[in-house]
C-alpha atoms as a PDB file:
ATOM      1  CA  MET A   1     122.919  85.207 128.176  1.00  0.00           C
ATOM      2  CA  LYS A   2     119.760  86.932 129.204  1.00  0.00           C
ATOM      3  CA  GLN A   3     116.407  85.466 128.120  1.00  0.00           C
ATOM      4  CA  ILE A   4     115.274  86.795 124.751  1.00  0.00           C
ATOM      5  CA  ARG A   5     112.220  88.931 124.982  1.00  0.00           C
ATOM      6  CA  LEU A   6     112.151  90.771 121.677  1.00  0.00           C
ATOM      7  CA  ILE A   7     112.842  89.328 118.177  1.00  0.00           C
ATOM      8  CA  ALA A   8     113.194  91.483 115.116  1.00  0.00           C
ATOM      9  CA  LEU A   9     112.850  89.655 111.780  1.00  0.00           C
ATOM     10  CA  ASP A  10     113.789  90.947 108.371  1.00  0.00           C
ATOM     11  CA  LEU A  11     111.279  89.860 105.719  1.00  0.00           C
ATOM     12  CA  ASP A  12     112.674  89.146 102.216  1.00  0.00           C
ATOM     13  CA  GLY A  13     115.376  86.574 102.338  1.00  0.00           C
ATOM     14  CA  THR A  14     114.801  85.919 106.043  1.00  0.00           C
ATOM     15  CA  VAL A  15     111.211  85.172 107.269  1.00  0.00           C
ATOM     16  CA  PHE A  16     109.956  84.620 103.754  1.00  0.00           C
ATOM     17  CA  ASN A  17     111.374  81.815 101.489  1.00  0.00           C
ATOM     18  CA  ASP A  18     111.923  82.522  97.855  1.00  0.00           C
ATOM     19  CA  GLN A  19     108.263  82.091  97.046  1.00  0.00           C
ATOM     20  CA  LYS A  20     107.469  84.851  99.557  1.00  0.00           C
ATOM     21  CA  GLU A  21     105.892  82.398 102.078  1.00  0.00           C
ATOM     22  CA  ILE A  22     106.277  81.850 105.708  1.00  0.00           C
ATOM     23  CA  THR A  23     106.666  78.105 105.954  1.00  0.00           C
ATOM     24  CA  PRO A  24     104.552  76.053 108.488  1.00  0.00           C
ATOM     25  CA  ARG A  25     107.676  75.396 110.711  1.00  0.00           C
ATOM     26  CA  THR A  26     108.745  79.132 110.798  1.00  0.00           C
ATOM     27  CA  LEU A  27     105.170  80.148 111.517  1.00  0.00           C
ATOM     28  CA  ALA A  28     104.928  77.615 114.340  1.00  0.00           C
ATOM     29  CA  ALA A  29     108.216  78.969 115.845  1.00  0.00           C
ATOM     30  CA  ILE A  30     106.967  82.575 115.746  1.00  0.00           C
ATOM     31  CA  GLN A  31     103.669  81.622 117.294  1.00  0.00           C
ATOM     32  CA  ALA A  32     105.436  79.623 120.068  1.00  0.00           C
ATOM     33  CA  ALA A  33     107.670  82.576 120.823  1.00  0.00           C
ATOM     34  CA  LEU A  34     104.599  84.945 120.987  1.00  0.00           C
ATOM     35  CA  GLN A  35     102.754  82.503 123.262  1.00  0.00           C
ATOM     36  CA  LYS A  36     105.781  82.528 125.604  1.00  0.00           C
ATOM     37  CA  GLY A  37     105.466  86.304 125.911  1.00  0.00           C
ATOM     38  CA  VAL A  38     108.214  87.272 123.519  1.00  0.00           C
ATOM     39  CA  ALA A  39     107.533  90.217 121.252  1.00  0.00           C
ATOM     40  CA  VAL A  40     108.136  89.339 117.645  1.00  0.00           C
ATOM     41  CA  LEU A  41     108.056  92.014 114.960  1.00  0.00           C
ATOM     42  CA  PRO A  42     108.808  92.494 111.267  1.00  0.00           C
ATOM     43  CA  ALA A  43     111.891  94.708 110.768  1.00  0.00           C
ATOM     44  CA  THR A  44     111.725  95.779 107.184  1.00  0.00           C
ATOM     45  CA  GLY A  45     112.590  98.393 104.586  1.00  0.00           C
ATOM     46  CA  ARG A  46     108.958  98.451 103.537  1.00  0.00           C
ATOM     47  CA  THR A  47     106.354 100.929 104.701  1.00  0.00           C
ATOM     48  CA  VAL A  48     103.922  99.846 107.370  1.00  0.00           C
ATOM     49  CA  THR A  49     101.198  99.546 104.801  1.00  0.00           C
ATOM     50  CA  GLY A  50     103.448  97.324 102.707  1.00  0.00           C
ATOM     51  CA  VAL A  51     104.176  94.764 105.461  1.00  0.00           C
ATOM     52  CA  PRO A  52     102.501  91.541 104.282  1.00  0.00           C
ATOM     53  CA  THR A  53      99.412  90.564 106.334  1.00  0.00           C
ATOM     54  CA  GLN A  54     100.596  86.934 106.488  1.00  0.00           C
ATOM     55  CA  PHE A  55     103.002  88.333 109.179  1.00  0.00           C
ATOM     56  CA  THR A  56     100.927  91.109 110.770  1.00  0.00           C
ATOM     57  CA  ASP A  57      97.910  88.927 111.084  1.00  0.00           C
ATOM     58  CA  ILE A  58      99.709  86.385 113.235  1.00  0.00           C
ATOM     59  CA  PRO A  59      97.890  86.734 116.627  1.00  0.00           C
ATOM     60  CA  GLY A  60     100.072  88.643 119.032  1.00  0.00           C
ATOM     61  CA  VAL A  61     102.272  90.518 116.556  1.00  0.00           C
ATOM     62  CA  ARG A  62     101.851  94.034 117.898  1.00  0.00           C
ATOM     63  CA  TYR A  63     104.787  96.086 116.516  1.00  0.00           C
ATOM     64  CA  ALA A  64     106.342  96.718 113.151  1.00  0.00           C
ATOM     65  CA  LEU A  65     109.681  98.353 112.491  1.00  0.00           C
ATOM     66  CA  THR A  66     109.385  99.919 109.022  1.00  0.00           C
ATOM     67  CA  SER A  67     111.258 102.089 106.431  1.00  0.00           C
ATOM     68  CA  ASN A  68     114.559 100.832 107.725  1.00  0.00           C
ATOM     69  CA  GLY A  69     113.890 102.019 111.256  1.00  0.00           C
ATOM     70  CA  ALA A  70     112.471 105.497 110.358  1.00  0.00           C
ATOM     71  CA  SER A  71     109.136 104.398 111.831  1.00  0.00           C
ATOM     72  CA  VAL A  72     108.206 101.884 114.506  1.00  0.00           C
ATOM     73  CA  VAL A  73     104.387 101.482 114.779  1.00  0.00           C
ATOM     74  CA  ASP A  74     102.061  99.987 117.390  1.00  0.00           C
ATOM     75  CA  LEU A  75      99.801  97.952 115.106  1.00  0.00           C
ATOM     76  CA  GLN A  76      96.974  97.936 117.622  1.00  0.00           C
ATOM     77  CA  THR A  77      96.903 101.650 118.522  1.00  0.00           C
ATOM     78  CA  HIS A  78      98.468 102.909 115.276  1.00  0.00           C
ATOM     79  CA  GLU A  79     100.843 105.106 117.474  1.00  0.00           C
ATOM     80  CA  LYS A  80     104.265 105.889 116.077  1.00  0.00           C
ATOM     81  CA  LEU A  81     106.593 104.700 118.829  1.00  0.00           C
ATOM     82  CA  VAL A  82     109.665 105.825 116.804  1.00  0.00           C
ATOM     83  CA  ASN A  83     109.454 108.577 114.119  1.00  0.00           C
ATOM     84  CA  LEU A  84     112.693 109.706 112.393  1.00  0.00           C
ATOM     85  CA  PRO A  85     112.026 111.406 109.058  1.00  0.00           C
ATOM     86  CA  PHE A  86     114.334 113.351 106.873  1.00  0.00           C
ATOM     87  CA  GLU A  87     114.846 117.106 107.636  1.00  0.00           C
ATOM     88  CA  ALA A  88     113.078 118.825 104.734  1.00  0.00           C
ATOM     89  CA  SER A  89     116.066 120.525 103.128  1.00  0.00           C
ATOM     90  CA  LEU A  90     118.114 117.325 103.133  1.00  0.00           C
ATOM     91  CA  ALA A  91     115.285 115.380 101.565  1.00  0.00           C
ATOM     92  CA  GLU A  92     115.093 118.018  98.753  1.00  0.00           C
ATOM     93  CA  ARG A  93     118.971 117.813  98.328  1.00  0.00           C
ATOM     94  CA  ALA A  94     118.833 113.943  98.178  1.00  0.00           C
ATOM     95  CA  TYR A  95     116.028 114.033  95.601  1.00  0.00           C
ATOM     96  CA  ASP A  96     117.983 116.469  93.428  1.00  0.00           C
ATOM     97  CA  VAL A  97     120.978 114.022  93.445  1.00  0.00           C
ATOM     98  CA  VAL A  98     119.085 110.738  92.679  1.00  0.00           C
ATOM     99  CA  ALA A  99     116.466 111.990  90.160  1.00  0.00           C
ATOM    100  CA  PRO A 100     118.832 112.353  87.169  1.00  0.00           C
ATOM    101  CA  PHE A 101     119.829 108.650  87.480  1.00  0.00           C
ATOM    102  CA  GLY A 102     116.413 107.458  86.562  1.00  0.00           C
ATOM    103  CA  GLY A 103     115.372 103.933  87.556  1.00  0.00           C
ATOM    104  CA  ILE A 104     112.297 103.346  89.729  1.00  0.00           C
ATOM    105  CA  LEU A 105     112.204 106.000  92.387  1.00  0.00           C
ATOM    106  CA  SER A 106     109.792 105.585  95.408  1.00  0.00           C
ATOM    107  CA  ILE A 107     109.503 107.913  98.274  1.00  0.00           C
ATOM    108  CA  PHE A 108     108.135 106.488 101.623  1.00  0.00           C
ATOM    109  CA  ILE A 109     106.002 109.162 103.289  1.00  0.00           C
ATOM    110  CA  ASP A 110     104.152 108.646 106.575  1.00  0.00           C
ATOM    111  CA  GLY A 111     103.650 104.971 106.089  1.00  0.00           C
ATOM    112  CA  GLN A 112     102.782 105.045 102.423  1.00  0.00           C
ATOM    113  CA  SER A 113     104.959 104.559  99.336  1.00  0.00           C
ATOM    114  CA  TYR A 114     104.704 106.903  96.305  1.00  0.00           C
ATOM    115  CA  THR A 115     105.965 106.533  92.755  1.00  0.00           C
ATOM    116  CA  THR A 116     105.242 108.119  89.452  1.00  0.00           C
ATOM    117  CA  ARG A 117     102.631 106.655  87.110  1.00  0.00           C
ATOM    118  CA  ALA A 118     105.406 106.242  84.509  1.00  0.00           C
ATOM    119  CA  ASN A 119     107.475 104.211  86.910  1.00  0.00           C
ATOM    120  CA  ALA A 120     104.509 102.086  87.924  1.00  0.00           C
ATOM    121  CA  GLN A 121     103.448 101.324  84.343  1.00  0.00           C
ATOM    122  CA  THR A 122     106.685 101.027  82.326  1.00  0.00           C
ATOM    123  CA  SER A 123     109.561 100.110  84.585  1.00  0.00           C
ATOM    124  CA  LEU A 124     108.488  96.903  86.353  1.00  0.00           C
ATOM    125  CA  GLU A 125     111.216  94.918  84.616  1.00  0.00           C
ATOM    126  CA  MET A 126     113.703  96.439  86.980  1.00  0.00           C
ATOM    127  CA  VAL A 127     111.834  94.907  90.008  1.00  0.00           C
ATOM    128  CA  PRO A 128     112.680  91.258  90.803  1.00  0.00           C
ATOM    129  CA  ALA A 129     109.801  89.040  89.576  1.00  0.00           C
ATOM    130  CA  ASN A 130     108.853  87.786  93.018  1.00  0.00           C
ATOM    131  CA  LEU A 131     108.384  91.449  94.273  1.00  0.00           C
ATOM    132  CA  ARG A 132     106.400  92.811  91.328  1.00  0.00           C
ATOM    133  CA  LYS A 133     103.033  92.107  92.846  1.00  0.00           C
ATOM    134  CA  TYR A 134     104.180  93.836  96.079  1.00  0.00           C
ATOM    135  CA  PHE A 135     105.338  96.836  94.112  1.00  0.00           C
ATOM    136  CA  ARG A 136     102.160  97.187  92.077  1.00  0.00           C
ATOM    137  CA  THR A 137      99.862  96.866  95.080  1.00  0.00           C
ATOM    138  CA  SER A 138     101.789  99.031  97.499  1.00  0.00           C
ATOM    139  CA  ARG A 139     102.609 102.187  95.529  1.00  0.00           C
ATOM    140  CA  ILE A 140     100.434 105.321  95.278  1.00  0.00           C
ATOM    141  CA  GLU A 141     100.879 106.677  91.820  1.00  0.00           C
ATOM    142  CA  VAL A 142     101.417 110.460  91.349  1.00  0.00           C
ATOM    143  CA  GLU A 143     102.185 112.696  88.361  1.00  0.00           C
ATOM    144  CA  ASP A 144     104.855 114.888  89.974  1.00  0.00           C
ATOM    145  CA  MET A 145     107.221 113.168  92.552  1.00  0.00           C
ATOM    146  CA  HIS A 146     109.031 116.403  93.380  1.00  0.00           C
ATOM    147  CA  ARG A 147     105.692 118.125  94.098  1.00  0.00           C
ATOM    148  CA  THR A 148     104.715 115.189  96.299  1.00  0.00           C
ATOM    149  CA  LEU A 149     107.914 115.565  98.217  1.00  0.00           C
ATOM    150  CA  GLN A 150     107.353 119.215  98.802  1.00  0.00           C
ATOM    151  CA  ASP A 151     103.809 118.636  99.862  1.00  0.00           C
ATOM    152  CA  HIS A 152     104.985 116.236 102.565  1.00  0.00           C
ATOM    153  CA  LYS A 153     108.348 117.768 103.341  1.00  0.00           C
ATOM    154  CA  ASP A 154     108.345 116.848 107.051  1.00  0.00           C
ATOM    155  CA  GLU A 155     107.135 113.294 106.600  1.00  0.00           C
ATOM    156  CA  ILE A 156     109.805 111.693 104.283  1.00  0.00           C
ATOM    157  CA  GLU A 157     110.787 108.344 105.847  1.00  0.00           C
ATOM    158  CA  LYS A 158     112.968 106.849 103.092  1.00  0.00           C
ATOM    159  CA  PHE A 159     113.956 106.958  99.384  1.00  0.00           C
ATOM    160  CA  SER A 160     113.985 103.564  97.571  1.00  0.00           C
ATOM    161  CA  MET A 161     115.469 103.159  94.115  1.00  0.00           C
ATOM    162  CA  MET A 162     115.747 100.231  91.733  1.00  0.00           C
ATOM    163  CA  TYR A 163     118.056 100.540  88.790  1.00  0.00           C
ATOM    164  CA  ALA A 164     118.489  98.736  85.482  1.00  0.00           C
ATOM    165  CA  THR A 165     122.096  97.779  86.185  1.00  0.00           C
ATOM    166  CA  GLU A 166     124.579  97.587  89.078  1.00  0.00           C
ATOM    167  CA  GLU A 167     126.747 100.155  87.233  1.00  0.00           C
ATOM    168  CA  ILE A 168     124.025 102.822  87.290  1.00  0.00           C
ATOM    169  CA  ARG A 169     123.266 102.021  90.975  1.00  0.00           C
ATOM    170  CA  ASP A 170     126.870 102.326  91.929  1.00  0.00           C
ATOM    171  CA  ARG A 171     127.223 105.760  90.118  1.00  0.00           C
ATOM    172  CA  ALA A 172     124.151 107.055  91.962  1.00  0.00           C
ATOM    173  CA  TRP A 173     125.511 105.657  95.219  1.00  0.00           C
ATOM    174  CA  GLN A 174     128.795 107.574  94.744  1.00  0.00           C
ATOM    175  CA  ALA A 175     126.854 110.764  93.788  1.00  0.00           C
ATOM    176  CA  VAL A 176     124.820 110.626  97.051  1.00  0.00           C
ATOM    177  CA  MET A 177     127.983 109.981  99.000  1.00  0.00           C
ATOM    178  CA  GLN A 178     129.642 112.995  97.609  1.00  0.00           C
ATOM    179  CA  ALA A 179     126.642 115.403  97.722  1.00  0.00           C
ATOM    180  CA  CYS A 180     124.900 114.175 100.968  1.00  0.00           C
ATOM    181  CA  PRO A 181     127.597 112.321 103.008  1.00  0.00           C
ATOM    182  CA  GLU A 182     125.433 112.480 106.081  1.00  0.00           C
ATOM    183  CA  VAL A 183     122.731 110.438 104.583  1.00  0.00           C
ATOM    184  CA  GLU A 184     122.358 106.742 105.453  1.00  0.00           C
ATOM    185  CA  ILE A 185     122.773 104.604 102.349  1.00  0.00           C
ATOM    186  CA  THR A 186     121.930 100.931 102.238  1.00  0.00           C
ATOM    187  CA  SER A 187     120.825  98.173  99.933  1.00  0.00           C
ATOM    188  CA  SER A 188     118.382  95.267 100.441  1.00  0.00           C
ATOM    189  CA  LEU A 189     118.280  93.843  96.929  1.00  0.00           C
ATOM    190  CA  GLU A 190     120.377  93.532  93.744  1.00  0.00           C
ATOM    191  CA  ARG A 191     120.502  96.928  91.922  1.00  0.00           C
ATOM    192  CA  ASN A 192     118.737  98.659  94.820  1.00  0.00           C
ATOM    193  CA  MET A 193     119.621 101.726  96.904  1.00  0.00           C
ATOM    194  CA  GLU A 194     117.837 103.103  99.921  1.00  0.00           C
ATOM    195  CA  LEU A 195     118.329 106.410 101.671  1.00  0.00           C
ATOM    196  CA  ASN A 196     117.448 107.309 105.264  1.00  0.00           C
ATOM    197  CA  ALA A 197     118.081 110.315 107.431  1.00  0.00           C
ATOM    198  CA  PRO A 198     121.380 110.647 109.232  1.00  0.00           C
ATOM    199  CA  GLY A 199     121.751 107.961 111.951  1.00  0.00           C
ATOM    200  CA  VAL A 200     118.555 106.207 110.906  1.00  0.00           C
ATOM    201  CA  SER A 201     118.640 102.485 110.331  1.00  0.00           C
ATOM    202  CA  LYS A 202     117.133  99.312 111.651  1.00  0.00           C
ATOM    203  CA  GLY A 203     119.598  98.968 114.539  1.00  0.00           C
ATOM    204  CA  PRO A 204     118.820 102.321 116.298  1.00  0.00           C
ATOM    205  CA  GLY A 205     115.131 101.955 115.518  1.00  0.00           C
ATOM    206  CA  LEU A 206     115.123  98.478 117.175  1.00  0.00           C
ATOM    207  CA  MET A 207     117.027  99.740 120.168  1.00  0.00           C
ATOM    208  CA  ALA A 208     114.656 102.761 120.561  1.00  0.00           C
ATOM    209  CA  LEU A 209     111.700 100.186 120.712  1.00  0.00           C
ATOM    210  CA  ALA A 210     113.580  98.006 123.166  1.00  0.00           C
ATOM    211  CA  LYS A 211     114.128 101.019 125.390  1.00  0.00           C
ATOM    212  CA  ARG A 212     110.437 101.973 125.125  1.00  0.00           C
ATOM    213  CA  LEU A 213     109.501  98.437 126.200  1.00  0.00           C
ATOM    214  CA  GLY A 214     111.949  98.487 129.069  1.00  0.00           C
ATOM    215  CA  LEU A 215     114.237  95.890 127.595  1.00  0.00           C
ATOM    216  CA  THR A 216     118.016  95.768 127.548  1.00  0.00           C
ATOM    217  CA  ARG A 217     120.128  95.063 124.441  1.00  0.00           C
ATOM    218  CA  GLU A 218     120.923  91.547 125.769  1.00  0.00           C
ATOM    219  CA  GLU A 219     117.197  90.677 125.603  1.00  0.00           C
ATOM    220  CA  VAL A 220     116.918  91.426 121.897  1.00  0.00           C
ATOM    221  CA  MET A 221     117.553  89.115 118.987  1.00  0.00           C
ATOM    222  CA  ALA A 222     117.647  90.254 115.352  1.00  0.00           C
ATOM    223  CA  VAL A 223     117.781  88.115 112.226  1.00  0.00           C
ATOM    224  CA  GLY A 224     118.710  89.359 108.759  1.00  0.00           C
ATOM    225  CA  ASP A 225     120.404  88.684 105.515  1.00  0.00           C
ATOM    226  CA  SER A 226     121.278  91.954 103.641  1.00  0.00           C
ATOM    227  CA  GLY A 227     122.847  95.332 103.901  1.00  0.00           C
ATOM    228  CA  ASN A 228     119.957  97.186 105.573  1.00  0.00           C
ATOM    229  CA  ASP A 229     120.018  94.569 108.366  1.00  0.00           C
ATOM    230  CA  HIS A 230     123.667  95.312 109.248  1.00  0.00           C
ATOM    231  CA  THR A 231     123.031  97.618 112.251  1.00  0.00           C
ATOM    232  CA  MET A 232     120.288  95.663 113.845  1.00  0.00           C
ATOM    233  CA  VAL A 233     122.246  92.342 113.565  1.00  0.00           C
ATOM    234  CA  GLU A 234     125.301  94.181 114.939  1.00  0.00           C
ATOM    235  CA  MET A 235     123.490  95.973 117.801  1.00  0.00           C
ATOM    236  CA  ALA A 236     121.205  93.221 119.081  1.00  0.00           C
ATOM    237  CA  GLY A 237     122.300  91.157 121.975  1.00  0.00           C
ATOM    238  CA  LEU A 238     122.022  88.133 119.755  1.00  0.00           C
ATOM    239  CA  GLY A 239     122.579  88.941 116.058  1.00  0.00           C
ATOM    240  CA  VAL A 240     121.697  86.103 113.646  1.00  0.00           C
ATOM    241  CA  ALA A 241     122.689  85.950 110.069  1.00  0.00           C
ATOM    242  CA  MET A 242     120.897  83.721 107.539  1.00  0.00           C
ATOM    243  CA  GLU A 243     123.083  81.249 105.586  1.00  0.00           C
ATOM    244  CA  ASN A 244     122.058  83.185 102.489  1.00  0.00           C
ATOM    245  CA  ALA A 245     123.175  86.480 104.013  1.00  0.00           C
ATOM    246  CA  THR A 246     125.877  88.674 102.595  1.00  0.00           C
ATOM    247  CA  GLU A 247     129.398  88.232 103.888  1.00  0.00           C
ATOM    248  CA  GLU A 248     128.993  91.742 105.467  1.00  0.00           C
ATOM    249  CA  ILE A 249     126.116  90.537 107.581  1.00  0.00           C
ATOM    250  CA  LYS A 250     127.793  87.207 108.560  1.00  0.00           C
ATOM    251  CA  ALA A 251     130.802  89.214 109.752  1.00  0.00           C
ATOM    252  CA  VAL A 252     128.814  91.115 112.322  1.00  0.00           C
ATOM    253  CA  ALA A 253     126.489  88.352 113.452  1.00  0.00           C
ATOM    254  CA  ASP A 254     126.894  86.338 116.539  1.00  0.00           C
ATOM    255  CA  VAL A 255     125.639  83.150 114.982  1.00  0.00           C
ATOM    256  CA  ILE A 256     124.644  81.832 111.543  1.00  0.00           C
ATOM    257  CA  THR A 257     121.535  79.851 110.905  1.00  0.00           C
ATOM    258  CA  ALA A 258     120.147  77.988 107.881  1.00  0.00           C
ATOM    259  CA  ASP A 259     118.941  79.777 104.801  1.00  0.00           C
ATOM    260  CA  ASN A 260     115.531  81.211 104.151  1.00  0.00           C
ATOM    261  CA  ASN A 261     114.467  78.161 102.173  1.00  0.00           C
ATOM    262  CA  HIS A 262     115.338  75.755 104.950  1.00  0.00           C
ATOM    263  CA  ASP A 263     113.675  77.462 107.980  1.00  0.00           C
ATOM    264  CA  GLY A 264     116.655  79.407 109.260  1.00  0.00           C
ATOM    265  CA  VAL A 265     114.384  81.670 111.319  1.00  0.00           C
ATOM    266  CA  ALA A 266     112.545  78.696 112.853  1.00  0.00           C
ATOM    267  CA  LEU A 267     115.943  76.977 113.736  1.00  0.00           C
ATOM    268  CA  ALA A 268     117.188  80.187 115.471  1.00  0.00           C
ATOM    269  CA  ILE A 269     113.975  80.731 117.483  1.00  0.00           C
ATOM    270  CA  GLU A 270     113.876  77.081 118.430  1.00  0.00           C
ATOM    271  CA  LYS A 271     117.527  77.016 119.616  1.00  0.00           C
ATOM    272  CA  TYR A 272     117.832  80.461 121.299  1.00  0.00           C
ATOM    273  CA  VAL A 273     114.331  81.334 122.467  1.00  0.00           C
ATOM    274  CA  LEU A 274     112.223  78.223 122.969  1.00  0.00           C
END
């Protein structure tokens, strides 16, 4: 196996334990990889402004894969190395499908996340308790989501929805599949649905960054636990599933490490990189 030179790490359920912390051992492993000259980046469904500073402030972390691969950013220069937004008419069509199902609808636009004031103030019970602070602090509140979409029609990176029940989420999922079959649909949390432009997901975004850096697939390692990690775990030269990962992710991974509360990321870096 070629030496790993690029490591993509999912955040929730992977790098972060259930208290949303990077443990000392995991931090030390990331730092050791960076000091060895390996590029280590967050690979997340969040916007670039929503990536926690406890990761991006680690000296040497230069890149961030965000919005499920719709945007890969150089954190030093702020250059978008990968930019794969929705085509405007498809974004409009997707919005028209998901809006009637309610829930908390957020639209990720050019590195920022937007939601309505009503969502931000009255629907937080739909968000898992350990993510409510992130939700409150990362959303820009607007009165009219549809107007916001129209004002930024060529900058839509992702739709993110949280629903009150799995049943509502599943009905919305089926509606999108029927009306917009070309859209990429994933989930990263219970009762969550995320939409990206056709062909856009973490895997292609990661491979585009690797190509930009002059690296081969065999030099890339990706670690994840949930549905939106599927393509990057599958496409990386070394795909690593967390022990707490879904069966879908474990099935496409090359190896399985410990869970996110027992330094699974550190164990994988120590074994396969250091």
